[in-house]
Protein backbone atom coordinates (compact mmCIF):
# COMPACT_ATOMS: atom_id res chain seq x y z
CA MET A 1 3.89 -11.42 11.73
CA ALA A 2 2.58 -11.14 8.34
CA ASN A 3 4.28 -8.24 7.05
CA GLU A 4 7.77 -9.68 7.92
CA SER A 5 7.51 -11.55 4.25
CA LEU A 6 7.15 -8.25 2.29
CA PRO A 7 9.86 -6.25 0.99
CA ASP A 8 10.82 -2.74 2.60
CA PRO A 9 9.66 0.03 -0.12
CA ARG A 10 12.16 2.25 1.09
CA LEU A 11 15.07 -0.22 0.36
CA VAL A 12 13.33 -1.41 -3.24
CA GLY A 13 10.72 1.01 -4.37
CA ALA A 14 10.23 4.53 -5.24
CA GLU A 15 9.35 7.63 -3.29
CA TYR A 16 5.77 9.01 -4.18
CA LYS A 17 4.23 12.32 -3.48
CA LYS A 18 0.30 12.73 -3.44
CA THR A 19 -0.62 15.59 -6.17
CA ALA A 20 -4.72 15.00 -5.80
CA THR A 21 -6.94 17.76 -4.60
CA VAL A 22 -9.77 16.88 -2.10
CA TRP A 23 -12.49 18.65 0.05
CA ALA A 24 -12.14 18.00 3.57
CA CYS A 25 -13.93 18.92 7.32
CA GLU A 26 -12.93 17.86 10.65
CA MET A 27 -16.14 16.13 12.27
CA TYR A 28 -17.50 17.11 15.64
CA GLY A 29 -18.47 13.56 16.50
CA ASP A 30 -17.89 9.60 15.88
CA PHE A 31 -19.54 9.03 12.22
CA GLN A 32 -19.30 6.00 9.50
CA VAL A 33 -19.19 7.02 5.77
CA VAL A 34 -19.69 4.24 2.90
CA THR A 35 -16.38 4.28 0.85
CA LEU A 36 -14.90 2.32 -2.26
CA GLU A 37 -13.60 -0.36 0.56
CA GLY A 38 -16.99 -0.74 2.06
CA THR A 39 -18.21 1.23 5.41
CA MET A 40 -15.61 2.76 7.24
CA LEU A 41 -15.95 4.41 10.97
CA GLY A 42 -14.65 7.94 11.89
CA ARG A 43 -13.89 9.36 15.16
CA LYS A 44 -14.01 12.37 16.39
CA GLY A 45 -11.92 14.86 15.33
CA ASP A 46 -10.90 12.74 12.16
CA TYR A 47 -11.51 14.46 8.58
CA LEU A 48 -14.09 13.58 6.28
CA CYS A 49 -12.65 13.42 2.57
CA LYS A 50 -14.15 13.79 -0.58
CA GLY A 51 -12.20 13.29 -3.33
CA PRO A 52 -12.75 14.83 -7.37
CA ASN A 53 -14.84 11.91 -8.41
CA GLY A 54 -17.32 12.02 -5.26
CA GLU A 55 -15.70 9.43 -3.36
CA MET A 56 -15.66 9.78 0.48
CA TRP A 57 -13.40 8.41 3.09
CA PRO A 58 -12.29 9.41 6.87
CA ILE A 59 -8.87 9.90 7.64
CA LYS A 60 -6.99 10.33 11.24
CA LYS A 61 -6.35 14.24 12.12
CA GLU A 62 -2.76 13.32 12.71
CA ILE A 63 -2.51 11.87 9.19
CA PHE A 64 -4.49 14.38 7.82
CA GLU A 65 -2.76 17.25 8.88
CA SER A 66 0.89 15.96 8.07
CA THR A 67 -0.10 14.95 4.47
CA TYR A 68 -2.31 17.75 3.25
CA GLU A 69 -2.21 21.53 3.29
CA PRO A 70 -4.84 23.92 2.78
CA THR A 71 -5.38 25.59 -0.46
CA GLY A 72 -7.53 28.33 0.54
CA LYS A 73 -10.64 27.44 -1.44
CA LYS A 74 -14.11 27.49 0.26
CA PRO A 75 -17.43 25.37 0.02
CA GLY A 76 -18.89 26.64 -3.45
CA ASP A 77 -15.23 26.49 -5.27
CA GLN A 78 -14.77 24.28 -7.98
CA PHE A 79 -11.87 21.40 -7.50
CA GLN A 80 -8.50 22.21 -8.81
CA GLN A 81 -7.98 20.29 -11.84
């Protein structure tokens, strides 16, 4: 397995916390989105995220909901700086 030669970040790294604000919506069907890494596929139930610089990406529902918390802002509000 390729990862066997990599260091374990829990042993040699540091802990990091996400601090960026994103806009996101749960998708009701399969979708494709052009990301900074190329075209990615999302599935029904995944979230479509848009960052403050306009970048977009799909993220699995389970990962999104365990990583992000709602800010209470709704469409039309500006990004939190």
